[in-house]
All heavy atoms as atom14 arrays in JSON, in Angstrom:
{
  "sequence": "ARPLSGRLSDSKGGKFTIYIGLCVTLLVNLLY",
  "atom14_mask": [
    [1, 1, 1, 1, 1, 0, 0, 0, 0, 0, 0, 0, 0, 0],
    [1, 1, 1, 1, 1, 1, 1, 1, 1, 1, 1, 0, 0, 0],
    [1, 1, 1, 1, 1, 1, 1, 0, 0, 0, 0, 0, 0, 0],
    [1, 1, 1, 1, 1, 1, 1, 1, 0, 0, 0, 0, 0, 0],
    [1, 1, 1, 1, 1, 1, 0, 0, 0, 0, 0, 0, 0, 0],
    [1, 1, 1, 1, 0, 0, 0, 0, 0, 0, 0, 0, 0, 0],
    [1, 1, 1, 1, 1, 1, 1, 1, 1, 1, 1, 0, 0, 0],
    [1, 1, 1, 1, 1, 1, 1, 1, 0, 0, 0, 0, 0, 0],
    [1, 1, 1, 1, 1, 1, 0, 0, 0, 0, 0, 0, 0, 0],
    [1, 1, 1, 1, 1, 1, 1, 1, 0, 0, 0, 0, 0, 0],
    [1, 1, 1, 1, 1, 1, 0, 0, 0, 0, 0, 0, 0, 0],
    [1, 1, 1, 1, 1, 1, 1, 1, 1, 0, 0, 0, 0, 0],
    [1, 1, 1, 1, 0, 0, 0, 0, 0, 0, 0, 0, 0, 0],
    [1, 1, 1, 1, 0, 0, 0, 0, 0, 0, 0, 0, 0, 0],
    [1, 1, 1, 1, 1, 1, 1, 1, 1, 0, 0, 0, 0, 0],
    [1, 1, 1, 1, 1, 1, 1, 1, 1, 1, 1, 0, 0, 0],
    [1, 1, 1, 1, 1, 1, 1, 0, 0, 0, 0, 0, 0, 0],
    [1, 1, 1, 1, 1, 1, 1, 1, 0, 0, 0, 0, 0, 0],
    [1, 1, 1, 1, 1, 1, 1, 1, 1, 1, 1, 1, 0, 0],
    [1, 1, 1, 1, 1, 1, 1, 1, 0, 0, 0, 0, 0, 0],
    [1, 1, 1, 1, 0, 0, 0, 0, 0, 0, 0, 0, 0, 0],
    [1, 1, 1, 1, 1, 1, 1, 1, 0, 0, 0, 0, 0, 0],
    [1, 1, 1, 1, 1, 1, 0, 0, 0, 0, 0, 0, 0, 0],
    [1, 1, 1, 1, 1, 1, 1, 0, 0, 0, 0, 0, 0, 0],
    [1, 1, 1, 1, 1, 1, 1, 0, 0, 0, 0, 0, 0, 0],
    [1, 1, 1, 1, 1, 1, 1, 1, 0, 0, 0, 0, 0, 0],
    [1, 1, 1, 1, 1, 1, 1, 1, 0, 0, 0, 0, 0, 0],
    [1, 1, 1, 1, 1, 1, 1, 0, 0, 0, 0, 0, 0, 0],
    [1, 1, 1, 1, 1, 1, 1, 1, 0, 0, 0, 0, 0, 0],
    [1, 1, 1, 1, 1, 1, 1, 1, 0, 0, 0, 0, 0, 0],
    [1, 1, 1, 1, 1, 1, 1, 1, 0, 0, 0, 0, 0, 0],
    [1, 1, 1, 1, 1, 1, 1, 1, 1, 1, 1, 1, 0, 0]
  ],
  "atom14_positions": [
    [[-50.27, 11.15, -21.44], [-49.75, 11.06, -20.12], [-50.19, 9.83, -19.33], [-49.63, 9.4, -18.4], [-50.12, 12.31, -19.34], [0.0, 0.0, 0.0], [0.0, 0.0, 0.0], [0.0, 0.0, 0.0], [0.0, 0.0, 0.0], [0.0, 0.0, 0.0], [0.0, 0.0, 0.0], [0.0, 0.0, 0.0], [0.0, 0.0, 0.0], [0.0, 0.0, 0.0]],
    [[-51.38, 9.32, -19.77], [-51.99, 8.21, -18.98], [-51.13, 7.01, -18.72], [-50.97, 6.53, -17.62], [-53.26, 7.7, -19.69], [-54.34, 8.78, -19.71], [-54.86, 9.04, -18.28], [-56.14, 9.96, -18.45], [-56.82, 10.53, -17.42], [-56.35, 10.23, -16.2], [-57.8, 11.33, -17.56], [0.0, 0.0, 0.0], [0.0, 0.0, 0.0], [0.0, 0.0, 0.0]],
    [[-50.34, 6.41, -19.83], [-49.64, 5.29, -19.55], [-48.61, 5.52, -18.53], [-48.28, 4.71, -17.63], [-49.04, 4.93, -20.9], [-49.95, 5.49, -21.9], [-50.49, 6.77, -21.27], [0.0, 0.0, 0.0], [0.0, 0.0, 0.0], [0.0, 0.0, 0.0], [0.0, 0.0, 0.0], [0.0, 0.0, 0.0], [0.0, 0.0, 0.0], [0.0, 0.0, 0.0]],
    [[-47.85, 6.66, -18.71], [-46.8, 7.02, -17.71], [-47.32, 7.25, -16.27], [-46.59, 6.8, -15.24], [-46.14, 8.29, -18.19], [-44.93, 8.76, -17.31], [-43.81, 7.65, -17.2], [-44.3, 9.97, -17.89], [0.0, 0.0, 0.0], [0.0, 0.0, 0.0], [0.0, 0.0, 0.0], [0.0, 0.0, 0.0], [0.0, 0.0, 0.0], [0.0, 0.0, 0.0]],
    [[-48.45, 7.83, -16.21], [-49.02, 7.99, -14.88], [-49.36, 6.69, -14.11], [-49.21, 6.6, -12.88], [-50.29, 8.93, -14.92], [-51.42, 8.21, -15.46], [0.0, 0.0, 0.0], [0.0, 0.0, 0.0], [0.0, 0.0, 0.0], [0.0, 0.0, 0.0], [0.0, 0.0, 0.0], [0.0, 0.0, 0.0], [0.0, 0.0, 0.0], [0.0, 0.0, 0.0]],
    [[-49.77, 5.66, -14.95], [-49.95, 4.4, -14.39], [-48.81, 3.75, -13.83], [-48.72, 3.22, -12.72], [0.0, 0.0, 0.0], [0.0, 0.0, 0.0], [0.0, 0.0, 0.0], [0.0, 0.0, 0.0], [0.0, 0.0, 0.0], [0.0, 0.0, 0.0], [0.0, 0.0, 0.0], [0.0, 0.0, 0.0], [0.0, 0.0, 0.0], [0.0, 0.0, 0.0]],
    [[-47.64, 3.83, -14.62], [-46.37, 3.26, -14.16], [-45.82, 3.98, -13.02], [-45.31, 3.35, -12.02], [-45.35, 3.3, -15.37], [-45.69, 2.26, -16.47], [-44.45, 1.78, -17.19], [-44.69, 0.66, -18.0], [-43.79, -0.08, -18.6], [-42.53, 0.22, -18.4], [-44.09, -1.0, -19.38], [0.0, 0.0, 0.0], [0.0, 0.0, 0.0], [0.0, 0.0, 0.0]],
    [[-45.95, 5.3, -12.97], [-45.48, 6.02, -11.8], [-46.24, 5.74, -10.52], [-45.64, 5.69, -9.45], [-45.52, 7.54, -12.17], [-44.38, 8.04, -13.16], [-44.6, 9.43, -13.46], [-42.99, 7.8, -12.57], [0.0, 0.0, 0.0], [0.0, 0.0, 0.0], [0.0, 0.0, 0.0], [0.0, 0.0, 0.0], [0.0, 0.0, 0.0], [0.0, 0.0, 0.0]],
    [[-47.59, 5.61, -10.72], [-48.41, 5.19, -9.53], [-47.93, 3.9, -8.98], [-47.86, 3.72, -7.72], [-49.85, 5.17, -9.92], [-50.3, 6.49, -10.28], [0.0, 0.0, 0.0], [0.0, 0.0, 0.0], [0.0, 0.0, 0.0], [0.0, 0.0, 0.0], [0.0, 0.0, 0.0], [0.0, 0.0, 0.0], [0.0, 0.0, 0.0], [0.0, 0.0, 0.0]],
    [[-47.67, 2.9, -9.86], [-47.25, 1.61, -9.34], [-45.9, 1.56, -8.73], [-45.67, 0.88, -7.75], [-47.25, 0.63, -10.6], [-48.64, 0.18, -10.97], [-49.55, 0.02, -10.04], [-48.86, 0.06, -12.14], [0.0, 0.0, 0.0], [0.0, 0.0, 0.0], [0.0, 0.0, 0.0], [0.0, 0.0, 0.0], [0.0, 0.0, 0.0], [0.0, 0.0, 0.0]],
    [[-45.04, 2.44, -9.25], [-43.64, 2.44, -8.74], [-43.39, 3.48, -7.65], [-42.56, 3.22, -6.61], [-42.67, 2.72, -9.87], [-42.86, 3.93, -10.51], [0.0, 0.0, 0.0], [0.0, 0.0, 0.0], [0.0, 0.0, 0.0], [0.0, 0.0, 0.0], [0.0, 0.0, 0.0], [0.0, 0.0, 0.0], [0.0, 0.0, 0.0], [0.0, 0.0, 0.0]],
    [[-44.0, 4.68, -7.71], [-43.75, 5.73, -6.83], [-44.87, 6.06, -5.83], [-44.66, 6.77, -4.83], [-43.39, 7.06, -7.65], [-42.28, 6.93, -8.47], [-40.99, 6.88, -7.72], [-39.78, 6.87, -8.66], [-38.44, 6.76, -8.04], [0.0, 0.0, 0.0], [0.0, 0.0, 0.0], [0.0, 0.0, 0.0], [0.0, 0.0, 0.0], [0.0, 0.0, 0.0]],
    [[-46.11, 5.57, -6.28], [-47.24, 5.9, -5.35], [-48.15, 6.91, -5.9], [-47.85, 7.72, -6.79], [0.0, 0.0, 0.0], [0.0, 0.0, 0.0], [0.0, 0.0, 0.0], [0.0, 0.0, 0.0], [0.0, 0.0, 0.0], [0.0, 0.0, 0.0], [0.0, 0.0, 0.0], [0.0, 0.0, 0.0], [0.0, 0.0, 0.0], [0.0, 0.0, 0.0]],
    [[-49.4, 6.97, -5.37], [-50.41, 7.91, -5.82], [-50.02, 9.37, -5.61], [-50.31, 10.26, -6.41], [0.0, 0.0, 0.0], [0.0, 0.0, 0.0], [0.0, 0.0, 0.0], [0.0, 0.0, 0.0], [0.0, 0.0, 0.0], [0.0, 0.0, 0.0], [0.0, 0.0, 0.0], [0.0, 0.0, 0.0], [0.0, 0.0, 0.0], [0.0, 0.0, 0.0]],
    [[-49.51, 9.67, -4.49], [-49.16, 10.97, -4.04], [-48.15, 11.63, -5.01], [-48.33, 12.74, -5.55], [-48.58, 11.13, -2.67], [-49.5, 11.19, -1.54], [-48.89, 11.47, -0.24], [-48.22, 12.83, -0.18], [-47.62, 13.18, 1.2], [0.0, 0.0, 0.0], [0.0, 0.0, 0.0], [0.0, 0.0, 0.0], [0.0, 0.0, 0.0], [0.0, 0.0, 0.0]],
    [[-47.17, 10.86, -5.51], [-46.18, 11.32, -6.49], [-46.88, 11.75, -7.75], [-46.58, 12.78, -8.33], [-45.08, 10.22, -6.67], [-44.02, 10.69, -7.59], [-42.92, 11.36, -7.06], [-44.01, 10.39, -8.92], [-41.84, 11.79, -7.98], [-43.03, 10.77, -9.81], [-41.92, 11.48, -9.29], [0.0, 0.0, 0.0], [0.0, 0.0, 0.0], [0.0, 0.0, 0.0]],
    [[-47.74, 10.85, -8.27], [-48.43, 11.11, -9.53], [-49.4, 12.4, -9.42], [-49.41, 13.13, -10.3], [-49.29, 9.92, -9.85], [-48.39, 8.73, -9.81], [-49.78, 10.12, -11.31], [0.0, 0.0, 0.0], [0.0, 0.0, 0.0], [0.0, 0.0, 0.0], [0.0, 0.0, 0.0], [0.0, 0.0, 0.0], [0.0, 0.0, 0.0], [0.0, 0.0, 0.0]],
    [[-50.05, 12.57, -8.19], [-50.86, 13.69, -7.98], [-50.0, 14.98, -8.0], [-50.46, 15.97, -8.6], [-51.61, 13.53, -6.55], [-52.58, 12.42, -6.67], [-52.3, 14.82, -6.26], [-53.17, 12.13, -5.3], [0.0, 0.0, 0.0], [0.0, 0.0, 0.0], [0.0, 0.0, 0.0], [0.0, 0.0, 0.0], [0.0, 0.0, 0.0], [0.0, 0.0, 0.0]],
    [[-48.91, 14.88, -7.38], [-47.95, 16.11, -7.35], [-47.64, 16.61, -8.7], [-47.57, 17.82, -9.0], [-46.7, 15.72, -6.6], [-46.76, 15.84, -5.13], [-46.09, 14.87, -4.27], [-47.64, 16.69, -4.42], [-46.08, 14.88, -2.84], [-47.69, 16.76, -3.01], [-47.01, 15.8, -2.27], [-47.03, 15.87, -0.89], [0.0, 0.0, 0.0], [0.0, 0.0, 0.0]],
    [[-47.33, 15.68, -9.64], [-46.95, 16.06, -11.06], [-48.13, 16.83, -11.66], [-47.95, 17.91, -12.16], [-46.65, 14.85, -11.83], [-45.35, 14.18, -11.32], [-46.43, 15.21, -13.3], [-45.01, 12.9, -12.07], [0.0, 0.0, 0.0], [0.0, 0.0, 0.0], [0.0, 0.0, 0.0], [0.0, 0.0, 0.0], [0.0, 0.0, 0.0], [0.0, 0.0, 0.0]],
    [[-49.35, 16.24, -11.54], [-50.53, 16.89, -12.09], [-50.8, 18.27, -11.52], [-51.14, 19.22, -12.23], [0.0, 0.0, 0.0], [0.0, 0.0, 0.0], [0.0, 0.0, 0.0], [0.0, 0.0, 0.0], [0.0, 0.0, 0.0], [0.0, 0.0, 0.0], [0.0, 0.0, 0.0], [0.0, 0.0, 0.0], [0.0, 0.0, 0.0], [0.0, 0.0, 0.0]],
    [[-50.69, 18.42, -10.19], [-50.89, 19.65, -9.46], [-49.87, 20.74, -9.86], [-50.2, 21.87, -10.01], [-50.97, 19.54, -8.07], [-52.13, 18.71, -7.52], [-52.07, 18.48, -5.98], [-53.45, 19.22, -7.9], [0.0, 0.0, 0.0], [0.0, 0.0, 0.0], [0.0, 0.0, 0.0], [0.0, 0.0, 0.0], [0.0, 0.0, 0.0], [0.0, 0.0, 0.0]],
    [[-48.51, 20.28, -9.94], [-47.5, 21.3, -10.35], [-47.83, 21.79, -11.82], [-47.46, 22.97, -12.1], [-46.17, 20.61, -10.34], [-45.54, 20.26, -8.63], [0.0, 0.0, 0.0], [0.0, 0.0, 0.0], [0.0, 0.0, 0.0], [0.0, 0.0, 0.0], [0.0, 0.0, 0.0], [0.0, 0.0, 0.0], [0.0, 0.0, 0.0], [0.0, 0.0, 0.0]],
    [[-48.29, 20.91, -12.72], [-48.46, 21.33, -14.07], [-49.61, 22.35, -14.15], [-49.5, 23.47, -14.7], [-48.79, 20.12, -14.99], [-49.3, 20.57, -16.37], [-47.65, 19.27, -15.18], [0.0, 0.0, 0.0], [0.0, 0.0, 0.0], [0.0, 0.0, 0.0], [0.0, 0.0, 0.0], [0.0, 0.0, 0.0], [0.0, 0.0, 0.0], [0.0, 0.0, 0.0]],
    [[-50.74, 22.08, -13.36], [-51.77, 22.99, -13.48], [-51.47, 24.35, -12.83], [-51.96, 25.4, -13.27], [-53.13, 22.35, -12.84], [-54.29, 23.15, -13.32], [-53.09, 22.43, -11.35], [0.0, 0.0, 0.0], [0.0, 0.0, 0.0], [0.0, 0.0, 0.0], [0.0, 0.0, 0.0], [0.0, 0.0, 0.0], [0.0, 0.0, 0.0], [0.0, 0.0, 0.0]],
    [[-50.7, 24.31, -11.8], [-50.29, 25.45, -11.1], [-49.45, 26.39, -11.99], [-49.64, 27.6, -12.17], [-49.56, 25.2, -9.83], [-48.81, 26.34, -9.08], [-49.96, 27.41, -8.61], [-48.12, 25.83, -7.9], [0.0, 0.0, 0.0], [0.0, 0.0, 0.0], [0.0, 0.0, 0.0], [0.0, 0.0, 0.0], [0.0, 0.0, 0.0], [0.0, 0.0, 0.0]],
    [[-48.41, 25.81, -12.6], [-47.44, 26.51, -13.44], [-48.24, 27.03, -14.78], [-47.94, 28.22, -15.06], [-46.3, 25.58, -13.91], [-45.27, 26.1, -14.89], [-44.52, 27.32, -14.15], [-44.25, 25.04, -15.25], [0.0, 0.0, 0.0], [0.0, 0.0, 0.0], [0.0, 0.0, 0.0], [0.0, 0.0, 0.0], [0.0, 0.0, 0.0], [0.0, 0.0, 0.0]],
    [[-48.94, 26.2, -15.49], [-49.54, 26.69, -16.67], [-50.52, 27.78, -16.45], [-50.67, 28.74, -17.18], [-50.25, 25.51, -17.38], [-51.0, 25.9, -18.55], [-49.21, 24.46, -17.75], [0.0, 0.0, 0.0], [0.0, 0.0, 0.0], [0.0, 0.0, 0.0], [0.0, 0.0, 0.0], [0.0, 0.0, 0.0], [0.0, 0.0, 0.0], [0.0, 0.0, 0.0]],
    [[-51.31, 27.69, -15.27], [-52.27, 28.74, -15.0], [-51.59, 30.07, -14.71], [-52.14, 31.12, -15.02], [-53.1, 28.41, -13.79], [-54.4, 27.67, -14.17], [-55.14, 28.0, -15.06], [-54.63, 26.54, -13.49], [0.0, 0.0, 0.0], [0.0, 0.0, 0.0], [0.0, 0.0, 0.0], [0.0, 0.0, 0.0], [0.0, 0.0, 0.0], [0.0, 0.0, 0.0]],
    [[-50.33, 29.99, -14.21], [-49.6, 31.25, -13.94], [-49.06, 31.78, -15.34], [-48.82, 32.91, -15.35], [-48.45, 31.04, -12.97], [-48.92, 30.69, -11.52], [-47.59, 30.32, -10.67], [-49.44, 31.96, -10.96], [0.0, 0.0, 0.0], [0.0, 0.0, 0.0], [0.0, 0.0, 0.0], [0.0, 0.0, 0.0], [0.0, 0.0, 0.0], [0.0, 0.0, 0.0]],
    [[-48.79, 30.93, -16.27], [-48.19, 31.3, -17.55], [-49.25, 31.9, -18.49], [-48.88, 32.84, -19.33], [-47.43, 30.2, -18.19], [-46.15, 29.72, -17.57], [-45.62, 28.49, -18.22], [-45.18, 30.92, -17.65], [0.0, 0.0, 0.0], [0.0, 0.0, 0.0], [0.0, 0.0, 0.0], [0.0, 0.0, 0.0], [0.0, 0.0, 0.0], [0.0, 0.0, 0.0]],
    [[-50.47, 31.49, -18.4], [-51.48, 31.96, -19.38], [-51.51, 33.51, -19.53], [-51.54, 34.06, -20.69], [-52.88, 31.44, -18.92], [-53.23, 30.05, -19.41], [-53.62, 29.1, -18.45], [-53.28, 29.77, -20.63], [-54.01, 27.87, -18.77], [-53.66, 28.44, -21.11], [-54.02, 27.51, -20.15], [-54.36, 26.25, -20.52], [0.0, 0.0, 0.0], [0.0, 0.0, 0.0]]
  ]
}
């Protein structure tokens, strides 16, 4: 995920990249 996160941060901003990571951890924790 690291290369894509870098490109997204450059193009969409840091908040957008943070949102992706937070949505993943929220969803996966609920699925466990």
